PDB file of N, CA and C in Angstrom:
ATOM      1  N   MET A   1       0.928  -1.090  -0.012  1.00  0.00           N
ATOM      2  CA  MET A   1       0.049  -0.143   0.044  1.00  0.00           C
ATOM      3  C   MET A   1       0.559   1.285   0.064  1.00  0.00           C
ATOM      4  N   THR A   2       0.533   1.932  -1.185  1.00  0.00           N
ATOM      5  CA  THR A   2       1.586   3.081  -1.017  1.00  0.00           C
ATOM      6  C   THR A   2       0.533   4.403  -0.661  1.00  0.00           C
ATOM      7  N   SER A   3       1.246   5.542  -0.240  1.00  0.00           N
ATOM      8  CA  SER A   3       0.325   6.716  -0.235  1.00  0.00           C
ATOM      9  C   SER A   3       0.682   7.764  -1.217  1.00  0.00           C
ATOM     10  N   SER A   4      -0.303   8.268  -1.218  1.00  0.00           N
ATOM     11  CA  SER A   4      -0.276   9.549  -2.549  1.00  0.00           C
ATOM     12  C   SER A   4       1.004  10.552  -1.938  1.00  0.00           C
ATOM     13  N   PRO A   5       1.571  11.017  -2.742  1.00  0.00           N
ATOM     14  CA  PRO A   5       2.680  12.296  -2.512  1.00  0.00           C
ATOM     15  C   PRO A   5       1.449  13.689  -1.887  1.00  0.00           C
ATOM     16  N   GLY A   6       2.449  14.234  -0.895  1.00  0.00           N
ATOM     17  CA  GLY A   6       1.609  15.595  -0.480  1.00  0.00           C
ATOM     18  C   GLY A   6       0.424  15.584   0.320  1.00  0.00           C
ATOM     19  N   LEU A   7       0.604  14.171   1.383  1.00  0.00           N
ATOM     20  CA  LEU A   7      -0.319  13.730   2.323  1.00  0.00           C
ATOM     21  C   LEU A   7      -0.253  13.907   3.399  1.00  0.00           C
ATOM     22  N   LYS A   8       1.509  14.190   3.766  1.00  0.00           N
ATOM     23  CA  LYS A   8       1.968  14.528   5.079  1.00  0.00           C
ATOM     24  C   LYS A   8       2.679  16.253   4.847  1.00  0.00           C
ATOM     25  N   THR A   9       2.713  16.321   6.362  1.00  0.00           N
ATOM     26  CA  THR A   9       3.192  17.698   6.517  1.00  0.00           C
ATOM     27  C   THR A   9       4.923  17.690   6.577  1.00  0.00           C
ATOM     28  N   PRO A  10       4.866  19.111   6.293  1.00  0.00           N
ATOM     29  CA  PRO A  10       6.785  19.222   6.117  1.00  0.00           C
ATOM     30  C   PRO A  10       7.365  18.716   7.629  1.00  0.00           C
ATOM     31  N   PRO A  11       8.719  17.885   7.511  1.00  0.00           N
ATOM     32  CA  PRO A  11       9.383  17.387   8.881  1.00  0.00           C
ATOM     33  C   PRO A  11       9.001  18.322   9.820  1.00  0.00           C
ATOM     34  N   ALA A  12       9.452  17.711  11.213  1.00  0.00           N
ATOM     35  CA  ALA A  12       9.473  18.960  12.226  1.00  0.00           C
ATOM     36  C   ALA A  12      10.387  19.694  12.183  1.00  0.00           C
ATOM     37  N   THR A  13      11.742  18.914  11.729  1.00  0.00           N
ATOM     38  CA  THR A  13      12.854  20.282  11.634  1.00  0.00           C
ATOM     39  C   THR A  13      12.281  21.173  10.736  1.00  0.00           C
ATOM     40  N   TRP A  14      11.836  21.393   9.840  1.00  0.00           N
ATOM     41  CA  TRP A  14      11.786  21.975   8.415  1.00  0.00           C
ATOM     42  C   TRP A  14      11.216  23.183   9.094  1.00  0.00           C
ATOM     43  N   TYR A  15       9.904  22.783   9.796  1.00  0.00           N
ATOM     44  CA  TYR A  15       9.163  23.558  10.822  1.00  0.00           C
ATOM     45  C   TYR A  15      10.132  24.605  11.622  1.00  0.00           C
ATOM     46  N   LEU A  16      10.672  23.858  12.679  1.00  0.00           N
ATOM     47  CA  LEU A  16      12.284  24.280  13.582  1.00  0.00           C
ATOM     48  C   LEU A  16      12.613  25.632  12.962  1.00  0.00           C
ATOM     49  N   LYS A  17      13.534  25.039  11.376  1.00  0.00           N
ATOM     50  CA  LYS A  17      14.388  25.869  10.588  1.00  0.00           C
ATOM     51  C   LYS A  17      13.301  26.826  10.618  1.00  0.00           C
ATOM     52  N   GLN A  18      12.437  26.893  10.161  1.00  0.00           N
ATOM     53  CA  GLN A  18      11.507  27.962   9.526  1.00  0.00           C
ATOM     54  C   GLN A  18      11.462  29.246  10.583  1.00  0.00           C
ATOM     55  N   ALA A  19      11.123  28.643  11.950  1.00  0.00           N
ATOM     56  CA  ALA A  19      10.822  29.102  13.530  1.00  0.00           C
ATOM     57  C   ALA A  19      12.220  29.947  13.764  1.00  0.00           C
ATOM     58  N   THR A  20      12.919  29.993  13.163  1.00  0.00           N
ATOM     59  CA  THR A  20      14.423  29.997  13.899  1.00  0.00           C
ATOM     60  C   THR A  20      15.528  30.539  12.717  1.00  0.00           C
ATOM     61  N   GLY A  21      15.086  30.701  11.476  1.00  0.00           N
ATOM     62  CA  GLY A  21      15.687  31.461  10.209  1.00  0.00           C
ATOM     63  C   GLY A  21      16.569  30.562  10.299  1.00  0.00           C
ATOM     64  N   LEU A  22      16.840  29.254  10.406  1.00  0.00           N
ATOM     65  CA  LEU A  22      18.177  28.349  10.216  1.00  0.00           C
ATOM     66  C   LEU A  22      17.790  28.214   8.824  1.00  0.00           C
ATOM     67  N   LYS A  23      19.056  27.888   8.492  1.00  0.00           N
ATOM     68  CA  LYS A  23      19.396  27.003   7.089  1.00  0.00           C
ATOM     69  C   LYS A  23      19.975  25.403   7.194  1.00  0.00           C
ATOM     70  N   SER A  24      20.181  25.450   8.638  1.00  0.00           N
ATOM     71  CA  SER A  24      20.372  24.172   9.117  1.00  0.00           C
ATOM     72  C   SER A  24      21.181  24.139  10.458  1.00  0.00           C
ATOM     73  N   GLY A  25      21.115  23.013  11.409  1.00  0.00           N
ATOM     74  CA  GLY A  25      20.878  22.969  12.692  1.00  0.00           C
ATOM     75  C   GLY A  25      22.104  23.413  12.880  1.00  0.00           C
ATOM     76  N   SER A  26      22.730  22.736  14.105  1.00  0.00           N
ATOM     77  CA  SER A  26      24.106  22.634  14.976  1.00  0.00           C
ATOM     78  C   SER A  26      24.706  21.709  14.486  1.00  0.00           C
ATOM     79  N   LYS A  27      26.071  22.010  14.050  1.00  0.00           N
ATOM     80  CA  LYS A  27      27.205  21.033  13.933  1.00  0.00           C
ATOM     81  C   LYS A  27      27.691  20.466  14.967  1.00  0.00           C
ATOM     82  N   LEU A  28      27.004  21.395  16.203  1.00  0.00           N
ATOM     83  CA  LEU A  28      27.895  20.939  17.356  1.00  0.00           C
ATOM     84  C   LEU A  28      26.576  20.646  18.592  1.00  0.00           C
ATOM     85  N   VAL A  29      25.975  19.725  18.182  1.00  0.00           N
ATOM     86  CA  VAL A  29      24.532  19.203  18.999  1.00  0.00           C
ATOM     87  C   VAL A  29      25.245  18.670  20.166  1.00  0.00           C
ATOM     88  N   GLY A  30      24.285  19.673  21.677  1.00  0.00           N
ATOM     89  CA  GLY A  30      24.785  19.667  22.523  1.00  0.00           C
ATOM     90  C   GLY A  30      25.670  20.258  23.050  1.00  0.00           C
ATOM     91  N   ARG A  31      26.778  20.981  22.190  1.00  0.00           N
ATOM     92  CA  ARG A  31      27.732  21.869  22.607  1.00  0.00           C
ATOM     93  C   ARG A  31      27.330  23.180  21.752  1.00  0.00           C
ATOM     94  N   GLU A  32      26.757  23.110  21.372  1.00  0.00           N
ATOM     95  CA  GLU A  32      26.097  24.591  20.093  1.00  0.00           C
ATOM     96  C   GLU A  32      25.000  25.037  19.945  1.00  0.00           C
ATOM     97  N   VAL A  33      24.221  25.910  20.429  1.00  0.00           N
ATOM     98  CA  VAL A  33      22.828  26.048  20.595  1.00  0.00           C
ATOM     99  C   VAL A  33      22.741  27.170  18.843  1.00  0.00           C
ATOM    100  N   ALA A  34      22.083  26.258  17.898  1.00  0.00           N
ATOM    101  CA  ALA A  34      21.747  27.128  16.697  1.00  0.00           C
ATOM    102  C   ALA A  34      20.698  28.132  16.699  1.00  0.00           C
ATOM    103  N   GLY A  35      19.962  27.881  17.671  1.00  0.00           N
ATOM    104  CA  GLY A  35      18.498  28.623  17.585  1.00  0.00           C
ATOM    105  C   GLY A  35      17.782  28.597  18.841  1.00  0.00           C
ATOM    106  N   LYS A  36      16.723  29.648  19.259  1.00  0.00           N
ATOM    107  CA  LYS A  36      15.916  29.472  20.154  1.00  0.00           C
ATOM    108  C   LYS A  36      14.604  29.482  19.588  1.00  0.00           C
ATOM    109  N   ILE A  37      13.524  28.828  20.034  1.00  0.00           N
ATOM    110  CA  ILE A  37      12.586  29.355  20.089  1.00  0.00           C
ATOM    111  C   ILE A  37      11.623  29.241  21.587  1.00  0.00           C
ATOM    112  N   THR A  38      10.125  29.743  21.461  1.00  0.00           N
ATOM    113  CA  THR A  38       9.634  29.736  22.465  1.00  0.00           C
ATOM    114  C   THR A  38       8.603  28.524  22.838  1.00  0.00           C
ATOM    115  N   GLN A  39       8.145  28.194  24.172  1.00  0.00           N
ATOM    116  CA  GLN A  39       6.722  27.206  24.281  1.00  0.00           C
ATOM    117  C   GLN A  39       5.815  27.602  23.312  1.00  0.00           C
ATOM    118  N   ALA A  40       5.447  28.624  23.342  1.00  0.00           N
ATOM    119  CA  ALA A  40       4.320  29.041  22.184  1.00  0.00           C
ATOM    120  C   ALA A  40       4.387  28.524  20.636  1.00  0.00           C
ATOM    121  N   GLN A  41       5.775  28.684  20.462  1.00  0.00           N
ATOM    122  CA  GLN A  41       5.880  28.086  18.942  1.00  0.00           C
ATOM    123  C   GLN A  41       5.938  26.708  18.836  1.00  0.00           C
ATOM    124  N   LEU A  42       6.733  26.518  20.005  1.00  0.00           N
ATOM    125  CA  LEU A  42       6.713  24.304  19.818  1.00  0.00           C
ATOM    126  C   LEU A  42       5.201  24.192  19.564  1.00  0.00           C
ATOM    127  N   ARG A  43       3.961  24.680  20.475  1.00  0.00           N
ATOM    128  CA  ARG A  43       3.213  24.515  20.514  1.00  0.00           C
ATOM    129  C   ARG A  43       2.583  24.347  19.256  1.00  0.00           C
ATOM    130  N   GLU A  44       2.438  25.539  18.756  1.00  0.00           N
ATOM    131  CA  GLU A  44       2.036  25.857  17.677  1.00  0.00           C
ATOM    132  C   GLU A  44       2.419  24.566  16.226  1.00  0.00           C
ATOM    133  N   ILE A  45       3.808  24.337  16.282  1.00  0.00           N
ATOM    134  CA  ILE A  45       4.665  23.310  15.456  1.00  0.00           C
ATOM    135  C   ILE A  45       4.010  22.166  15.791  1.00  0.00           C
ATOM    136  N   ALA A  46       3.815  21.661  16.568  1.00  0.00           N
ATOM    137  CA  ALA A  46       2.907  20.503  17.087  1.00  0.00           C
ATOM    138  C   ALA A  46       1.715  19.816  16.682  1.00  0.00           C
ATOM    139  N   GLU A  47       0.902  21.529  17.038  1.00  0.00           N
ATOM    140  CA  GLU A  47      -0.336  21.715  16.541  1.00  0.00           C
ATOM    141  C   GLU A  47      -0.352  21.492  14.696  1.00  0.00           C
ATOM    142  N   LYS A  48       0.826  21.791  13.960  1.00  0.00           N
ATOM    143  CA  LYS A  48       0.890  21.247  12.920  1.00  0.00           C
ATOM    144  C   LYS A  48       0.968  19.768  12.212  1.00  0.00           C
ATOM    145  N   LYS A  49       2.092  19.143  13.452  1.00  0.00           N
ATOM    146  CA  LYS A  49       2.701  17.782  13.069  1.00  0.00           C
ATOM    147  C   LYS A  49       1.393  16.724  13.610  1.00  0.00           C
ATOM    148  N   MET A  50       0.083  17.391  14.398  1.00  0.00           N
ATOM    149  CA  MET A  50      -0.251  16.809  15.200  1.00  0.00           C
ATOM    150  C   MET A  50      -0.681  15.133  14.251  1.00  0.00           C
ATOM    151  N   LYS A  51      -1.195  15.141  13.323  1.00  0.00           N
ATOM    152  CA  LYS A  51      -1.861  14.502  12.361  1.00  0.00           C
ATOM    153  C   LYS A  51      -0.768  13.366  11.905  1.00  0.00           C
ATOM    154  N   ASP A  52       0.505  13.628  12.045  1.00  0.00           N
ATOM    155  CA  ASP A  52       1.162  12.898  11.259  1.00  0.00           C
ATOM    156  C   ASP A  52       1.840  11.941  12.506  1.00  0.00           C
ATOM    157  N   LEU A  53       1.886  12.424  13.697  1.00  0.00           N
ATOM    158  CA  LEU A  53       2.892  11.965  14.785  1.00  0.00           C
ATOM    159  C   LEU A  53       2.025  10.905  15.884  1.00  0.00           C
ATOM    160  N   ASN A  54       2.347   9.823  16.132  1.00  0.00           N
ATOM    161  CA  ASN A  54       1.987   9.360  17.127  1.00  0.00           C
ATOM    162  C   ASN A  54       1.949   9.662  18.736  1.00  0.00           C
ATOM    163  N   ALA A  55       1.220  10.143  18.758  1.00  0.00           N
ATOM    164  CA  ALA A  55       0.908  11.076  20.024  1.00  0.00           C
ATOM    165  C   ALA A  55      -0.371  11.369  20.106  1.00  0.00           C
ATOM    166  N   ASN A  56      -1.008  10.622  21.358  1.00  0.00           N
ATOM    167  CA  ASN A  56      -2.686  10.882  21.609  1.00  0.00           C
ATOM    168  C   ASN A  56      -2.877  12.653  22.130  1.00  0.00           C
ATOM    169  N   ASP A  57      -1.624  13.660  22.191  1.00  0.00           N
ATOM    170  CA  ASP A  57      -2.414  14.599  22.637  1.00  0.00           C
ATOM    171  C   ASP A  57      -1.534  16.145  22.796  1.00  0.00           C
ATOM    172  N   ILE A  58      -1.987  17.073  22.556  1.00  0.00           N
ATOM    173  CA  ILE A  58      -0.894  17.934  22.158  1.00  0.00           C
ATOM    174  C   ILE A  58       0.085  18.272  23.006  1.00  0.00           C
ATOM    175  N   GLU A  59       0.433  17.624  24.180  1.00  0.00           N
ATOM    176  CA  GLU A  59       1.685  17.614  25.275  1.00  0.00           C
ATOM    177  C   GLU A  59       2.643  16.315  24.428  1.00  0.00           C
ATOM    178  N   ALA A  60       1.963  15.314  24.031  1.00  0.00           N
ATOM    179  CA  ALA A  60       2.890  14.645  23.662  1.00  0.00           C
ATOM    180  C   ALA A  60       3.445  14.829  22.227  1.00  0.00           C
ATOM    181  N   ALA A  61       2.737  15.305  21.564  1.00  0.00           N
ATOM    182  CA  ALA A  61       3.178  15.990  20.224  1.00  0.00           C
ATOM    183  C   ALA A  61       4.470  17.132  20.668  1.00  0.00           C
ATOM    184  N   MET A  62       4.232  17.784  21.881  1.00  0.00           N
ATOM    185  CA  MET A  62       5.232  18.633  21.971  1.00  0.00           C
ATOM    186  C   MET A  62       6.315  17.937  22.485  1.00  0.00           C
ATOM    187  N   GLN A  63       6.653  16.901  22.855  1.00  0.00           N
ATOM    188  CA  GLN A  63       7.730  16.211  23.258  1.00  0.00           C
ATOM    189  C   GLN A  63       8.587  15.900  22.110  1.00  0.00           C
ATOM    190  N   ILE A  64       7.522  15.800  21.319  1.00  0.00           N
ATOM    191  CA  ILE A  64       8.030  14.856  20.310  1.00  0.00           C
ATOM    192  C   ILE A  64       9.431  15.478  19.347  1.00  0.00           C
ATOM    193  N   VAL A  65       8.615  16.853  19.415  1.00  0.00           N
ATOM    194  CA  VAL A  65       9.008  17.871  18.335  1.00  0.00           C
ATOM    195  C   VAL A  65      10.058  18.607  19.008  1.00  0.00           C
ATOM    196  N   LEU A  66      10.020  18.733  20.484  1.00  0.00           N
ATOM    197  CA  LEU A  66      10.696  18.830  21.465  1.00  0.00           C
ATOM    198  C   LEU A  66      12.338  18.224  20.986  1.00  0.00           C
ATOM    199  N   GLY A  67      12.033  17.124  21.014  1.00  0.00           N
ATOM    200  CA  GLY A  67      13.211  15.842  20.718  1.00  0.00           C
ATOM    201  C   GLY A  67      13.676  16.109  19.223  1.00  0.00           C
ATOM    202  N   SER A  68      12.767  16.600  18.246  1.00  0.00           N
ATOM    203  CA  SER A  68      13.529  17.200  17.169  1.00  0.00           C
ATOM    204  C   SER A  68      14.053  18.314  17.417  1.00  0.00           C
ATOM    205  N   ALA A  69      13.918  18.752  17.657  1.00  0.00           N
ATOM    206  CA  ALA A  69      14.655  20.871  18.262  1.00  0.00           C
ATOM    207  C   ALA A  69      15.780  20.217  18.857  1.00  0.00           C
ATOM    208  N   ARG A  70      15.984  19.892  19.882  1.00  0.00           N
ATOM    209  CA  ARG A  70      17.344  19.134  20.280  1.00  0.00           C
ATOM    210  C   ARG A  70      18.173  18.574  19.827  1.00  0.00           C
ATOM    211  N   SER A  71      17.719  17.511  18.532  1.00  0.00           N
ATOM    212  CA  SER A  71      18.847  16.812  17.720  1.00  0.00           C
ATOM    213  C   SER A  71      19.141  17.716  16.505  1.00  0.00           C
ATOM    214  N   ILE A  72      18.754  18.839  16.720  1.00  0.00           N
ATOM    215  CA  ILE A  72      19.445  19.567  15.996  1.00  0.00           C
ATOM    216  C   ILE A  72      19.656  20.919  16.365  1.00  0.00           C
ATOM    217  N   GLY A  73      20.038  21.494  17.894  1.00  0.00           N
ATOM    218  CA  GLY A  73      20.370  22.551  18.184  1.00  0.00           C
ATOM    219  C   GLY A  73      19.326  23.345  18.473  1.00  0.00           C
ATOM    220  N   ILE A  74      18.626  23.406  18.473  1.00  0.00           N
ATOM    221  CA  ILE A  74      17.294  24.266  18.731  1.00  0.00           C
ATOM    222  C   ILE A  74      16.909  24.395  20.018  1.00  0.00           C
ATOM    223  N   GLU A  75      16.970  25.037  20.846  1.00  0.00           N
ATOM    224  CA  GLU A  75      16.778  25.689  22.452  1.00  0.00           C
ATOM    225  C   GLU A  75      15.307  25.477  22.550  1.00  0.00           C
ATOM    226  N   VAL A  76      14.658  25.192  23.929  1.00  0.00           N
ATOM    227  CA  VAL A  76      13.097  25.977  23.713  1.00  0.00           C
ATOM    228  C   VAL A  76      13.172  26.992  24.903  1.00  0.00           C
ATOM    229  N   LYS A  77      12.447  27.704  25.253  1.00  0.00           N
ATOM    230  CA  LYS A  77      12.736  28.624  26.178  1.00  0.00           C
ATOM    231  C   LYS A  77      11.240  29.011  26.469  1.00  0.00           C
ATOM    232  N   GLY A  78      11.060  29.578  27.833  1.00  0.00           N
ATOM    233  CA  GLY A  78      10.303  29.740  28.642  1.00  0.00           C
ATOM    234  C   GLY A  78       9.373  28.584  28.925  1.00  0.00           C
TER     235      GLY A  78
END
């Protein structure tokens, strides 16, 4: 079973980079912060990604997106 192209939303990292204005993530993840977003921005991205994520509520979706943010060196403030 194949899915039609265009049904999924862009990757969470795409939304995160858009929110911070980055072209790419940190080269030294864990040691270098590439950018920062707010809790409100994190929630907004999680809401956009909700239908594609394996999450039962918005809080769980936010945790998944938070993991993506950390993996590319984006820090969440607030």
